[in-house]
């Protein structure tokens, strides 16, 4: 299979490329190493392009808090869910909830919860403006967590769509299950973007 055929069959026909109009660096940032670096520049652009409200954001997969702080610039409240114990795809596998909570203490609109996503989604029936899924990069977990997120938020983003084929496939399947519009930003390991435009239009 040629490269052009591969992209046509596995990428271009299913996912629209996300093209930012304005790259902006948020005022508040954490000075830590993160695979998420660079993606902070497109968050406000997404909010504007998709007409998202700026009230509530939920994040599954906080790790050390880099993306949580990014979201805190744009949403009134950010809820971060994580086991804070790493997973099979992370370098750090030590428990670090207290450390991360202390690091983010200066951001009062961030609430961190030490929990597995499976337990959290059993009881949370809230609606969010944005959800971020960056958990263990396996198909089953990404699909389960991501499907819940897509059904409970106006826009759901998934990190590592370029570096983990299982994540990209899960996002594509969630798009098919929900009928939501699917985009992909290819830089910084890839960011899959699902947009519930029907829900957004009802709020206008």
Protein backbone atom coordinates (compact mmCIF):
# COMPACT_ATOMS: atom_id res chain seq x y z
CA UNK A 1 0.00 0.00 0.00
CA UNK A 2 1.41 3.38 -1.00
CA UNK A 3 1.61 6.29 1.40
CA UNK A 4 -1.07 8.24 -0.47
CA UNK A 5 -3.46 5.28 -0.36
CA UNK A 6 -2.78 4.73 3.33
CA UNK A 7 -3.62 8.32 4.20
CA UNK A 8 -6.71 8.31 2.00
CA UNK A 9 -8.09 5.13 3.54
CA UNK A 10 -7.05 5.69 7.14
CA UNK A 11 -7.05 9.42 7.60
CA UNK A 12 -8.32 11.83 4.99
CA UNK A 13 -11.74 10.28 4.36
CA UNK A 14 -12.56 10.07 8.06
CA UNK A 15 -10.98 13.10 9.69
CA UNK A 16 -10.92 16.73 8.64
CA UNK A 17 -7.63 18.54 9.28
CA UNK A 18 -7.97 21.17 11.99
CA UNK A 19 -6.58 24.49 10.78
CA UNK A 20 -6.05 27.08 13.52
CA UNK A 21 -6.69 30.69 12.59
CA UNK A 22 -4.79 32.14 15.53
CA UNK A 23 -2.04 30.58 17.64
CA UNK A 24 -1.95 32.07 21.13
CA UNK A 25 0.04 31.23 24.23
CA UNK A 26 -2.07 31.46 27.41
CA UNK A 27 -1.03 33.80 30.20
CA UNK A 28 -0.62 31.05 32.80
CA UNK A 29 1.64 28.10 32.03
CA UNK A 30 3.52 25.44 34.00
CA UNK A 31 7.25 25.25 33.40
CA UNK A 32 7.49 21.46 33.30
CA UNK A 33 8.31 18.84 30.69
CA UNK A 34 5.18 17.70 28.86
CA UNK A 35 4.33 15.92 25.62
CA UNK A 36 1.39 18.33 25.46
CA UNK A 37 3.62 21.36 24.83
CA UNK A 38 2.55 23.28 21.76
CA UNK A 39 -1.12 22.32 21.97
CA UNK A 40 -1.80 25.17 24.39
CA UNK A 41 -1.57 27.50 21.39
CA UNK A 42 -4.77 26.20 19.76
CA UNK A 43 -7.17 25.90 22.72
CA UNK A 44 -8.62 29.41 22.55
CA UNK A 45 -8.75 29.13 18.77
CA UNK A 46 -10.91 26.00 19.11
CA UNK A 47 -13.18 27.73 21.60
CA UNK A 48 -13.71 30.56 19.14
CA UNK A 49 -14.02 28.48 15.96
CA UNK A 50 -16.58 26.10 17.48
CA UNK A 51 -18.42 28.71 19.55
CA UNK A 52 -17.85 26.99 22.89
CA UNK A 53 -18.93 28.47 26.20
CA UNK A 54 -16.22 28.92 28.81
CA UNK A 55 -17.85 27.52 31.93
CA UNK A 56 -16.75 23.93 32.57
CA UNK A 57 -13.96 21.66 31.40
CA UNK A 58 -13.22 18.09 32.47
CA UNK A 59 -9.94 16.30 31.95
CA UNK A 60 -9.22 12.58 32.11
CA UNK A 61 -5.47 12.18 32.44
CA UNK A 62 -3.86 15.03 34.35
CA UNK A 63 -0.43 13.56 35.05
CA UNK A 64 1.61 16.57 36.27
CA UNK A 65 -0.94 19.27 35.45
CA UNK A 66 0.43 20.95 32.32
CA UNK A 67 -2.79 20.80 30.32
CA UNK A 68 -4.95 21.46 33.40
CA UNK A 69 -3.29 24.84 33.83
CA UNK A 70 -3.74 25.58 30.14
CA UNK A 71 -7.48 24.93 30.43
CA UNK A 72 -7.69 27.05 33.58
CA UNK A 73 -6.94 30.11 31.46
CA UNK A 74 -10.12 29.65 29.46
CA UNK A 75 -12.73 27.93 31.65
CA UNK A 76 -14.30 29.03 34.92
CA UNK A 77 -13.82 25.55 36.38
CA UNK A 78 -11.56 22.66 35.44
CA UNK A 79 -12.01 19.17 36.93
CA UNK A 80 -9.03 16.86 36.55
CA UNK A 81 -9.53 13.10 36.98
CA UNK A 82 -6.50 10.82 37.29
CA UNK A 83 -5.20 7.89 39.31
CA UNK A 84 -1.93 9.84 39.60
CA UNK A 85 -0.07 6.55 39.45
CA UNK A 86 0.94 6.47 35.78
CA UNK A 87 0.13 3.65 33.37
CA UNK A 88 1.83 1.28 30.94
CA UNK A 89 2.61 4.13 28.54
CA UNK A 90 4.04 6.66 31.02
CA UNK A 91 7.62 6.95 32.17
CA UNK A 92 6.69 7.90 35.73
CA UNK A 93 4.74 5.22 37.59
CA UNK A 94 5.10 6.63 41.11
CA UNK A 95 2.09 7.98 43.00
CA UNK A 96 2.15 11.79 42.64
CA UNK A 97 -1.28 13.16 43.61
CA UNK A 98 -0.01 15.28 46.52
CA UNK A 99 2.87 16.60 44.43
CA UNK A 100 0.60 17.60 41.55
CA UNK A 101 -2.01 19.10 43.87
CA UNK A 102 0.67 21.25 45.50
CA UNK A 103 1.99 22.33 42.10
CA UNK A 104 -1.49 23.48 41.06
CA UNK A 105 -2.42 25.09 44.37
CA UNK A 106 -2.12 28.55 42.85
CA UNK A 107 -4.94 27.87 40.41
CA UNK A 108 -8.18 27.98 42.45
CA UNK A 109 -10.42 27.06 39.52
CA UNK A 110 -8.75 23.65 39.13
CA UNK A 111 -10.16 20.73 41.12
CA UNK A 112 -8.14 17.52 41.11
CA UNK A 113 -9.76 14.18 41.90
CA UNK A 114 -7.81 10.97 42.47
CA UNK A 115 -10.03 8.46 40.70
CA UNK A 116 -10.13 5.99 37.85
CA UNK A 117 -12.25 7.26 34.97
CA UNK A 118 -14.40 4.11 35.22
CA UNK A 119 -15.57 5.06 38.71
CA UNK A 120 -16.06 8.72 37.84
CA UNK A 121 -18.29 8.25 34.82
CA UNK A 122 -20.70 6.04 36.78
CA UNK A 123 -22.02 9.00 38.77
CA UNK A 124 -21.25 12.20 36.82
CA UNK A 125 -24.21 13.40 34.75
CA UNK A 126 -23.01 16.97 34.25
CA UNK A 127 -22.58 18.65 30.88
CA UNK A 128 -19.21 20.20 30.01
CA UNK A 129 -18.09 22.68 27.40
CA UNK A 130 -14.87 20.78 26.75
CA UNK A 131 -13.53 17.36 27.73
CA UNK A 132 -9.94 16.19 27.36
CA UNK A 133 -9.05 12.49 27.19
CA UNK A 134 -5.38 11.59 27.64
CA UNK A 135 -5.43 8.30 29.53
CA UNK A 136 -3.75 4.95 28.86
CA UNK A 137 -3.44 4.80 25.08
CA UNK A 138 -5.32 1.57 24.45
CA UNK A 139 -8.40 1.24 22.27
CA UNK A 140 -10.87 -0.09 24.85
CA UNK A 141 -10.16 2.48 27.55
CA UNK A 142 -9.98 5.40 25.12
CA UNK A 143 -13.27 4.38 23.50
CA UNK A 144 -15.12 3.88 26.80
CA UNK A 145 -13.91 7.09 28.41
CA UNK A 146 -14.11 9.05 25.17
CA UNK A 147 -17.65 7.95 24.36
CA UNK A 148 -18.84 9.11 27.78
CA UNK A 149 -16.97 12.39 27.32
CA UNK A 150 -18.42 12.96 23.85
CA UNK A 151 -21.92 12.41 25.21
CA UNK A 152 -21.35 14.85 28.06
CA UNK A 153 -19.47 17.70 26.38
CA UNK A 154 -19.75 20.06 23.43
CA UNK A 155 -16.17 19.40 22.33
CA UNK A 156 -13.97 16.43 23.24
CA UNK A 157 -10.26 16.36 22.49
CA UNK A 158 -7.93 13.35 22.49
CA UNK A 159 -4.15 13.56 22.70
CA UNK A 160 -1.80 11.22 20.79
CA UNK A 161 -3.86 10.49 17.68
CA UNK A 162 -0.66 10.55 15.63
CA UNK A 163 1.57 8.53 17.94
CA UNK A 164 -0.91 5.81 18.94
CA UNK A 165 -3.01 4.21 16.17
CA UNK A 166 -5.34 2.69 18.78
CA UNK A 167 -6.26 6.17 20.02
CA UNK A 168 -6.95 7.42 16.50
CA UNK A 169 -9.13 4.39 15.75
CA UNK A 170 -11.09 4.82 18.98
CA UNK A 171 -11.74 8.47 18.18
CA UNK A 172 -12.91 7.61 14.66
CA UNK A 173 -15.27 4.98 16.07
CA UNK A 174 -16.65 7.40 18.65
CA UNK A 175 -17.35 9.87 15.85
CA UNK A 176 -19.29 7.16 14.01
CA UNK A 177 -21.23 6.23 17.17
CA UNK A 178 -22.19 9.81 18.03
CA UNK A 179 -22.45 11.44 14.62
CA UNK A 180 -20.21 14.25 15.80
CA UNK A 181 -17.82 16.09 13.49
CA UNK A 182 -14.23 14.88 13.67
CA UNK A 183 -11.05 16.87 13.16
CA UNK A 184 -7.37 16.15 13.72
CA UNK A 185 -4.51 18.51 14.48
CA UNK A 186 -1.37 16.59 13.47
CA UNK A 187 1.29 18.44 15.44
CA UNK A 188 2.60 17.62 18.93
CA UNK A 189 1.69 13.91 18.69
CA UNK A 190 -1.76 14.69 17.35
CA UNK A 191 -4.99 16.01 18.82
CA UNK A 192 -8.28 14.43 17.80
CA UNK A 193 -11.23 16.82 18.09
CA UNK A 194 -14.90 15.80 18.28
CA UNK A 195 -17.50 18.56 18.07
CA UNK A 196 -21.16 18.19 19.02
CA UNK A 197 -22.43 20.97 16.80
CA UNK A 198 -26.09 20.08 17.39
CA UNK A 199 -25.68 20.66 21.12
CA UNK A 200 -23.77 23.89 20.58
CA UNK A 201 -26.40 25.27 18.18
CA UNK A 202 -29.19 24.63 20.71
CA UNK A 203 -27.46 26.90 23.22
CA UNK A 204 -27.34 29.86 20.86
